[in-house]
Amino acid sequence: MNIANKLTLLRVILVPFFAFFMLAGDIVPYSYLWAAVIFAVASITDTADGKIARKYNMVTNFGKFLDPLADKVLVVTALICFVELGWASAWVTAIIVAREFVVSGIRLIAAGSEKKTVIAASIWGKLKTASTMIAICVIIIMHILV
C-alpha cells in the first residue's frame, strides 16, 4: 500500500476519535478544540493524498474509490454529531446524508459492474468536499468561541 492510500486510511481511522471528542462535550476538557484539530488534520490528508498520488504516479483504483468514501464517512459523521449536539436540523442532515449514500451507491454499482468502472471525483466534487470540510471546521470553531 502506497503513502497516498495510507493517508486516506488515516482519514478513516481519525473519524471515531473525531466523533468521540465531538460528543464528549463537558466530559473532556477542550473536546471541541480536539475535535476541530482532528477534523482539520483529516481534511488536510484529503488534499495531501491526492497531490502525492498524482505527483509520484501512485494513483490506484483503490485510492480513487476509497478517497471519496473516506470523505463521506468524515463529513457524515460530523453532520450526525451536529444533529446530536443540536447544532443542525435532522431533516436537512438526512437529505445530505441520503445524497451521499446515493452517490456512494452509484460508485459501488459502477465498481462492481463487468467493466469494473471506478468513478473518480470531478473538480466540482472536490470543491464541494473542500467547502464542506471548511464549513464544518468553521462551525466547530464558532462553538468553541461562543
N, C-alpha and C. Protein backbone atom coordinates (compact mmCIF):
# COMPACT_ATOMS: atom_id res chain seq x y z
N MET A 1 0.85 -1.18 0.00
CA MET A 1 0.00 0.00 0.00
C MET A 1 0.90 1.24 0.00
N ASN A 2 0.61 2.17 -0.91
CA ASN A 2 1.44 3.36 -1.02
C ASN A 2 1.05 4.42 0.02
N ILE A 3 1.88 5.47 0.13
CA ILE A 3 1.68 6.50 1.14
C ILE A 3 0.38 7.27 0.94
N ALA A 4 -0.01 7.48 -0.31
CA ALA A 4 -1.26 8.20 -0.58
C ALA A 4 -2.46 7.42 -0.03
N ASN A 5 -2.48 6.12 -0.25
CA ASN A 5 -3.57 5.29 0.27
C ASN A 5 -3.52 5.21 1.79
N LYS A 6 -2.32 5.23 2.36
CA LYS A 6 -2.20 5.22 3.82
C LYS A 6 -2.77 6.50 4.42
N LEU A 7 -2.56 7.63 3.75
CA LEU A 7 -3.14 8.88 4.23
C LEU A 7 -4.67 8.83 4.18
N THR A 8 -5.20 8.21 3.13
CA THR A 8 -6.65 8.06 3.03
C THR A 8 -7.17 7.18 4.16
N LEU A 9 -6.47 6.09 4.44
CA LEU A 9 -6.86 5.22 5.56
C LEU A 9 -6.76 5.95 6.89
N LEU A 10 -5.75 6.81 7.03
CA LEU A 10 -5.61 7.60 8.26
C LEU A 10 -6.86 8.45 8.47
N ARG A 11 -7.38 9.02 7.40
CA ARG A 11 -8.60 9.83 7.50
C ARG A 11 -9.75 9.00 8.08
N VAL A 12 -9.88 7.77 7.62
CA VAL A 12 -10.93 6.89 8.13
C VAL A 12 -10.68 6.56 9.60
N ILE A 13 -9.43 6.30 9.95
CA ILE A 13 -9.07 5.96 11.33
C ILE A 13 -9.34 7.13 12.28
N LEU A 14 -9.18 8.36 11.80
CA LEU A 14 -9.40 9.53 12.65
C LEU A 14 -10.88 9.79 12.96
N VAL A 15 -11.77 9.24 12.16
CA VAL A 15 -13.21 9.51 12.31
C VAL A 15 -13.73 9.16 13.71
N PRO A 16 -13.47 7.97 14.27
CA PRO A 16 -14.01 7.69 15.60
C PRO A 16 -13.44 8.61 16.68
N PHE A 17 -12.20 9.02 16.54
CA PHE A 17 -11.60 9.94 17.50
C PHE A 17 -12.28 11.31 17.41
N PHE A 18 -12.54 11.75 16.18
CA PHE A 18 -13.27 12.99 15.97
C PHE A 18 -14.65 12.91 16.63
N ALA A 19 -15.37 11.83 16.36
CA ALA A 19 -16.72 11.67 16.92
C ALA A 19 -16.69 11.65 18.44
N PHE A 20 -15.71 10.96 19.01
CA PHE A 20 -15.59 10.90 20.47
C PHE A 20 -15.46 12.30 21.05
N PHE A 21 -14.54 13.10 20.52
CA PHE A 21 -14.33 14.43 21.07
C PHE A 21 -15.51 15.36 20.80
N MET A 22 -16.18 15.18 19.68
CA MET A 22 -17.37 15.99 19.42
C MET A 22 -18.46 15.71 20.44
N LEU A 23 -18.62 14.44 20.79
CA LEU A 23 -19.71 14.06 21.68
C LEU A 23 -19.31 14.04 23.15
N ALA A 24 -18.01 14.23 23.44
CA ALA A 24 -17.53 14.22 24.83
C ALA A 24 -17.98 15.47 25.57
N GLY A 25 -18.24 16.54 24.84
CA GLY A 25 -18.78 17.76 25.42
C GLY A 25 -18.09 18.22 26.68
N ASP A 26 -18.85 18.23 27.78
CA ASP A 26 -18.33 18.72 29.06
C ASP A 26 -17.45 17.71 29.78
N ILE A 27 -17.42 16.48 29.31
CA ILE A 27 -16.66 15.43 29.99
C ILE A 27 -15.16 15.61 29.80
N VAL A 28 -14.76 15.94 28.60
CA VAL A 28 -13.33 16.07 28.26
C VAL A 28 -13.01 17.55 28.05
N PRO A 29 -12.05 18.08 28.81
CA PRO A 29 -11.68 19.49 28.60
C PRO A 29 -11.22 19.73 27.16
N TYR A 30 -11.66 20.84 26.61
CA TYR A 30 -11.27 21.24 25.25
C TYR A 30 -11.69 20.22 24.18
N SER A 31 -12.76 19.49 24.43
CA SER A 31 -13.15 18.43 23.50
C SER A 31 -13.44 18.97 22.09
N TYR A 32 -14.11 20.12 22.00
CA TYR A 32 -14.40 20.65 20.66
C TYR A 32 -13.12 21.12 19.97
N LEU A 33 -12.18 21.63 20.74
CA LEU A 33 -10.90 22.02 20.16
C LEU A 33 -10.18 20.80 19.59
N TRP A 34 -10.17 19.71 20.38
CA TRP A 34 -9.55 18.47 19.89
C TRP A 34 -10.27 17.97 18.64
N ALA A 35 -11.59 18.04 18.68
CA ALA A 35 -12.38 17.60 17.51
C ALA A 35 -12.03 18.44 16.28
N ALA A 36 -11.91 19.76 16.47
CA ALA A 36 -11.57 20.64 15.34
C ALA A 36 -10.20 20.32 14.78
N VAL A 37 -9.24 20.07 15.67
CA VAL A 37 -7.88 19.74 15.23
C VAL A 37 -7.88 18.42 14.46
N ILE A 38 -8.56 17.42 15.00
CA ILE A 38 -8.62 16.12 14.33
C ILE A 38 -9.31 16.25 12.98
N PHE A 39 -10.41 17.00 12.94
CA PHE A 39 -11.12 17.18 11.67
C PHE A 39 -10.23 17.92 10.67
N ALA A 40 -9.52 18.94 11.11
CA ALA A 40 -8.63 19.69 10.22
C ALA A 40 -7.52 18.79 9.68
N VAL A 41 -6.91 17.99 10.55
CA VAL A 41 -5.86 17.06 10.11
C VAL A 41 -6.42 16.08 9.08
N ALA A 42 -7.59 15.52 9.39
CA ALA A 42 -8.22 14.58 8.45
C ALA A 42 -8.51 15.27 7.12
N SER A 43 -8.96 16.51 7.17
CA SER A 43 -9.25 17.25 5.94
C SER A 43 -7.99 17.52 5.14
N ILE A 44 -6.90 17.82 5.83
CA ILE A 44 -5.63 18.06 5.14
C ILE A 44 -5.15 16.79 4.44
N THR A 45 -5.38 15.63 5.07
CA THR A 45 -4.97 14.38 4.41
C THR A 45 -5.72 14.19 3.09
N ASP A 46 -6.93 14.77 3.00
CA ASP A 46 -7.69 14.66 1.75
C ASP A 46 -6.97 15.37 0.62
N THR A 47 -6.40 16.52 0.91
CA THR A 47 -5.64 17.25 -0.11
C THR A 47 -4.31 16.57 -0.37
N ALA A 48 -3.65 16.17 0.70
CA ALA A 48 -2.29 15.60 0.58
C ALA A 48 -2.29 14.28 -0.18
N ASP A 49 -3.24 13.40 0.11
CA ASP A 49 -3.20 12.08 -0.54
C ASP A 49 -3.32 12.19 -2.05
N GLY A 50 -4.21 13.05 -2.52
CA GLY A 50 -4.38 13.22 -3.96
C GLY A 50 -3.17 13.84 -4.63
N LYS A 51 -2.62 14.87 -3.99
CA LYS A 51 -1.44 15.52 -4.58
C LYS A 51 -0.26 14.55 -4.64
N ILE A 52 -0.06 13.80 -3.58
CA ILE A 52 1.05 12.82 -3.56
C ILE A 52 0.82 11.75 -4.62
N ALA A 53 -0.41 11.24 -4.69
CA ALA A 53 -0.71 10.18 -5.65
C ALA A 53 -0.44 10.64 -7.09
N ARG A 54 -0.87 11.86 -7.41
CA ARG A 54 -0.67 12.35 -8.77
C ARG A 54 0.79 12.70 -9.05
N LYS A 55 1.45 13.35 -8.09
CA LYS A 55 2.83 13.79 -8.31
C LYS A 55 3.79 12.61 -8.47
N TYR A 56 3.59 11.56 -7.67
CA TYR A 56 4.51 10.42 -7.68
C TYR A 56 3.95 9.21 -8.42
N ASN A 57 2.93 9.45 -9.24
CA ASN A 57 2.33 8.39 -10.05
C ASN A 57 1.89 7.20 -9.19
N MET A 58 1.20 7.50 -8.09
CA MET A 58 0.72 6.47 -7.17
C MET A 58 -0.81 6.33 -7.22
N VAL A 59 -1.42 6.84 -8.27
CA VAL A 59 -2.87 6.77 -8.39
C VAL A 59 -3.28 5.32 -8.57
N THR A 60 -4.21 4.85 -7.73
CA THR A 60 -4.70 3.47 -7.82
C THR A 60 -6.22 3.49 -7.85
N ASN A 61 -6.80 2.42 -8.36
CA ASN A 61 -8.26 2.30 -8.32
C ASN A 61 -8.75 2.25 -6.88
N PHE A 62 -7.97 1.59 -6.01
CA PHE A 62 -8.31 1.54 -4.59
C PHE A 62 -8.40 2.96 -4.03
N GLY A 63 -7.42 3.79 -4.33
CA GLY A 63 -7.42 5.17 -3.85
C GLY A 63 -8.55 5.99 -4.44
N LYS A 64 -8.83 5.81 -5.74
CA LYS A 64 -9.92 6.54 -6.38
C LYS A 64 -11.27 6.17 -5.77
N PHE A 65 -11.37 4.95 -5.29
CA PHE A 65 -12.62 4.50 -4.66
C PHE A 65 -12.67 4.92 -3.19
N LEU A 66 -11.57 4.66 -2.45
CA LEU A 66 -11.58 4.90 -1.00
C LEU A 66 -11.56 6.38 -0.65
N ASP A 67 -10.88 7.20 -1.42
CA ASP A 67 -10.76 8.62 -1.08
C ASP A 67 -12.12 9.31 -0.95
N PRO A 68 -13.00 9.23 -1.95
CA PRO A 68 -14.30 9.87 -1.77
C PRO A 68 -15.14 9.22 -0.68
N LEU A 69 -14.97 7.91 -0.50
CA LEU A 69 -15.70 7.22 0.56
C LEU A 69 -15.24 7.71 1.94
N ALA A 70 -13.93 7.88 2.11
CA ALA A 70 -13.39 8.39 3.37
C ALA A 70 -13.91 9.80 3.64
N ASP A 71 -13.99 10.62 2.59
CA ASP A 71 -14.53 11.97 2.74
C ASP A 71 -15.96 11.91 3.23
N LYS A 72 -16.74 11.04 2.63
CA LYS A 72 -18.15 10.92 3.00
C LYS A 72 -18.30 10.46 4.45
N VAL A 73 -17.51 9.49 4.86
CA VAL A 73 -17.58 8.99 6.23
C VAL A 73 -17.25 10.12 7.21
N LEU A 74 -16.22 10.89 6.91
CA LEU A 74 -15.82 12.00 7.78
C LEU A 74 -16.92 13.06 7.85
N VAL A 75 -17.42 13.49 6.71
CA VAL A 75 -18.42 14.55 6.67
C VAL A 75 -19.74 14.08 7.29
N VAL A 76 -20.19 12.89 6.95
CA VAL A 76 -21.45 12.38 7.50
C VAL A 76 -21.34 12.24 9.02
N THR A 77 -20.21 11.78 9.51
CA THR A 77 -20.01 11.68 10.96
C THR A 77 -20.13 13.06 11.61
N ALA A 78 -19.51 14.06 11.00
CA ALA A 78 -19.59 15.42 11.54
C ALA A 78 -21.04 15.90 11.57
N LEU A 79 -21.77 15.66 10.48
CA LEU A 79 -23.16 16.11 10.42
C LEU A 79 -24.03 15.41 11.46
N ILE A 80 -23.82 14.12 11.65
CA ILE A 80 -24.59 13.39 12.66
C ILE A 80 -24.25 13.91 14.06
N CYS A 81 -22.99 14.21 14.30
CA CYS A 81 -22.60 14.81 15.58
C CYS A 81 -23.29 16.16 15.76
N PHE A 82 -23.36 16.95 14.70
CA PHE A 82 -24.02 18.25 14.78
C PHE A 82 -25.49 18.09 15.16
N VAL A 83 -26.16 17.11 14.58
CA VAL A 83 -27.56 16.86 14.92
C VAL A 83 -27.66 16.46 16.39
N GLU A 84 -26.81 15.55 16.82
CA GLU A 84 -26.83 15.08 18.21
C GLU A 84 -26.62 16.22 19.19
N LEU A 85 -25.79 17.18 18.82
CA LEU A 85 -25.49 18.32 19.69
C LEU A 85 -26.51 19.45 19.55
N GLY A 86 -27.46 19.29 18.61
CA GLY A 86 -28.45 20.33 18.39
C GLY A 86 -27.93 21.49 17.54
N TRP A 87 -26.84 21.28 16.83
CA TRP A 87 -26.25 22.32 16.00
C TRP A 87 -26.81 22.32 14.58
N ALA A 88 -27.50 21.26 14.20
CA ALA A 88 -28.03 21.14 12.84
C ALA A 88 -29.39 20.45 12.89
N SER A 89 -30.19 20.74 11.90
CA SER A 89 -31.50 20.13 11.78
C SER A 89 -31.38 18.69 11.28
N ALA A 90 -32.15 17.81 11.88
CA ALA A 90 -32.10 16.39 11.50
C ALA A 90 -32.57 16.18 10.06
N TRP A 91 -33.62 16.89 9.64
CA TRP A 91 -34.15 16.65 8.29
C TRP A 91 -33.19 17.15 7.21
N VAL A 92 -32.52 18.27 7.44
CA VAL A 92 -31.54 18.76 6.47
C VAL A 92 -30.38 17.79 6.38
N THR A 93 -29.93 17.34 7.54
CA THR A 93 -28.83 16.38 7.59
C THR A 93 -29.23 15.09 6.89
N ALA A 94 -30.46 14.64 7.09
CA ALA A 94 -30.93 13.41 6.44
C ALA A 94 -30.88 13.53 4.92
N ILE A 95 -31.24 14.69 4.40
CA ILE A 95 -31.19 14.90 2.94
C ILE A 95 -29.74 14.84 2.44
N ILE A 96 -28.84 15.50 3.16
CA ILE A 96 -27.43 15.49 2.75
C ILE A 96 -26.86 14.08 2.83
N VAL A 97 -27.15 13.38 3.92
CA VAL A 97 -26.65 12.01 4.10
C VAL A 97 -27.22 11.09 3.02
N ALA A 98 -28.51 11.25 2.71
CA ALA A 98 -29.13 10.42 1.66
C ALA A 98 -28.43 10.65 0.32
N ARG A 99 -28.13 11.89 0.00
CA ARG A 99 -27.41 12.20 -1.24
C ARG A 99 -26.04 11.52 -1.26
N GLU A 100 -25.35 11.56 -0.13
CA GLU A 100 -24.02 10.93 -0.05
C GLU A 100 -24.13 9.41 -0.25
N PHE A 101 -25.16 8.80 0.33
CA PHE A 101 -25.36 7.35 0.15
C PHE A 101 -25.69 7.02 -1.31
N VAL A 102 -26.49 7.85 -1.96
CA VAL A 102 -26.82 7.61 -3.36
C VAL A 102 -25.56 7.68 -4.22
N VAL A 103 -24.75 8.70 -4.01
CA VAL A 103 -23.51 8.84 -4.78
C VAL A 103 -22.59 7.64 -4.53
N SER A 104 -22.45 7.25 -3.26
CA SER A 104 -21.61 6.09 -2.93
C SER A 104 -22.18 4.82 -3.55
N GLY A 105 -23.50 4.68 -3.54
CA GLY A 105 -24.13 3.51 -4.15
C GLY A 105 -23.86 3.43 -5.64
N ILE A 106 -23.93 4.56 -6.31
CA ILE A 106 -23.62 4.59 -7.75
C ILE A 106 -22.18 4.18 -7.99
N ARG A 107 -21.27 4.66 -7.15
CA ARG A 107 -19.85 4.28 -7.28
C ARG A 107 -19.68 2.77 -7.07
N LEU A 108 -20.37 2.21 -6.08
CA LEU A 108 -20.28 0.77 -5.82
C LEU A 108 -20.82 -0.04 -6.98
N ILE A 109 -21.94 0.39 -7.53
CA ILE A 109 -22.53 -0.33 -8.67
C ILE A 109 -21.57 -0.29 -9.86
N ALA A 110 -20.99 0.88 -10.12
CA ALA A 110 -20.05 1.01 -11.24
C ALA A 110 -18.81 0.15 -11.01
N ALA A 111 -18.31 0.14 -9.78
CA ALA A 111 -17.11 -0.66 -9.48
C ALA A 111 -17.40 -2.15 -9.56
N GLY A 112 -18.63 -2.55 -9.28
CA GLY A 112 -19.00 -3.96 -9.32
C GLY A 112 -19.46 -4.44 -10.69
N SER A 113 -19.56 -3.53 -11.65
CA SER A 113 -20.01 -3.91 -12.99
C SER A 113 -18.94 -4.72 -13.71
N GLU A 114 -19.33 -5.28 -14.85
CA GLU A 114 -18.38 -6.07 -15.64
C GLU A 114 -17.14 -5.27 -16.01
N LYS A 115 -17.33 -4.00 -16.28
CA LYS A 115 -16.21 -3.14 -16.69
C LYS A 115 -15.35 -2.70 -15.51
N LYS A 116 -15.81 -2.94 -14.28
CA LYS A 116 -15.09 -2.53 -13.07
C LYS A 116 -14.76 -1.03 -13.13
N THR A 117 -15.74 -0.24 -13.49
CA THR A 117 -15.55 1.20 -13.65
C THR A 117 -15.39 1.87 -12.29
N VAL A 118 -14.31 2.62 -12.14
CA VAL A 118 -14.11 3.42 -10.94
C VAL A 118 -14.37 4.87 -11.32
N ILE A 119 -15.33 5.49 -10.65
CA ILE A 119 -15.68 6.87 -10.96
C ILE A 119 -14.83 7.78 -10.07
N ALA A 120 -13.88 8.43 -10.67
CA ALA A 120 -13.01 9.35 -9.92
C ALA A 120 -13.78 10.64 -9.64
N ALA A 121 -13.39 11.32 -8.57
CA ALA A 121 -14.04 12.57 -8.20
C ALA A 121 -13.72 13.65 -9.23
N SER A 122 -14.74 14.44 -9.60
CA SER A 122 -14.54 15.55 -10.53
C SER A 122 -14.05 16.77 -9.75
N ILE A 123 -13.65 17.80 -10.46
CA ILE A 123 -13.22 19.03 -9.81
C ILE A 123 -14.36 19.63 -8.99
N TRP A 124 -15.60 19.50 -9.48
CA TRP A 124 -16.75 20.03 -8.74
C TRP A 124 -16.98 19.25 -7.45
N GLY A 125 -16.80 17.96 -7.52
CA GLY A 125 -16.92 17.14 -6.31
C GLY A 125 -15.85 17.49 -5.30
N LYS A 126 -14.65 17.73 -5.80
CA LYS A 126 -13.54 18.11 -4.91
C LYS A 126 -13.80 19.47 -4.26
N LEU A 127 -14.32 20.41 -5.04
CA LEU A 127 -14.64 21.73 -4.49
C LEU A 127 -15.76 21.64 -3.46
N LYS A 128 -16.77 20.81 -3.74
CA LYS A 128 -17.87 20.63 -2.79
C LYS A 128 -17.34 20.06 -1.48
N THR A 129 -16.48 19.05 -1.59
CA THR A 129 -15.92 18.43 -0.40
C THR A 129 -15.06 19.42 0.38
N ALA A 130 -14.21 20.15 -0.31
CA ALA A 130 -13.34 21.13 0.37
C ALA A 130 -14.17 22.20 1.07
N SER A 131 -15.18 22.73 0.39
CA SER A 131 -16.00 23.78 1.02
C SER A 131 -16.80 23.22 2.19
N THR A 132 -17.26 21.99 2.08
CA THR A 132 -17.98 21.36 3.19
C THR A 132 -17.06 21.18 4.39
N MET A 133 -15.84 20.71 4.15
CA MET A 133 -14.90 20.50 5.25
C MET A 133 -14.52 21.82 5.91
N ILE A 134 -14.34 22.87 5.12
CA ILE A 134 -14.04 24.18 5.69
C ILE A 134 -15.22 24.66 6.53
N ALA A 135 -16.43 24.51 6.01
CA ALA A 135 -17.63 24.93 6.75
C ALA A 135 -17.76 24.18 8.07
N ILE A 136 -17.48 22.89 8.06
CA ILE A 136 -17.57 22.10 9.29
C ILE A 136 -16.56 22.60 10.31
N CYS A 137 -15.33 22.87 9.87
CA CYS A 137 -14.32 23.42 10.78
C CYS A 137 -14.77 24.75 11.36
N VAL A 138 -15.32 25.62 10.52
CA VAL A 138 -15.79 26.93 10.97
C VAL A 138 -16.91 26.78 12.00
N ILE A 139 -17.83 25.87 11.76
CA ILE A 139 -18.94 25.66 12.70
C ILE A 139 -18.41 25.19 14.05
N ILE A 140 -17.47 24.27 14.05
CA ILE A 140 -16.90 23.79 15.32
C ILE A 140 -16.18 24.94 16.03
N ILE A 141 -15.38 25.69 15.29
CA ILE A 141 -14.63 26.80 15.89
C ILE A 141 -15.59 27.86 16.44
N MET A 142 -16.68 28.12 15.73
CA MET A 142 -17.68 29.07 16.24
C MET A 142 -18.23 28.62 17.59
N HIS A 143 -18.45 27.32 17.75
CA HIS A 143 -18.96 26.82 19.02
C HIS A 143 -17.90 26.84 20.12
N ILE A 144 -16.64 26.80 19.74
CA ILE A 144 -15.57 26.94 20.73
C ILE A 144 -15.54 28.38 21.24
N LEU A 145 -15.70 29.32 20.33
CA LEU A 145 -15.57 30.74 20.68
C LEU A 145 -16.79 31.30 21.40
N VAL A 146 -17.92 30.64 21.27
CA VAL A 146 -19.16 31.15 21.89
C VAL A 146 -19.27 30.70 23.33
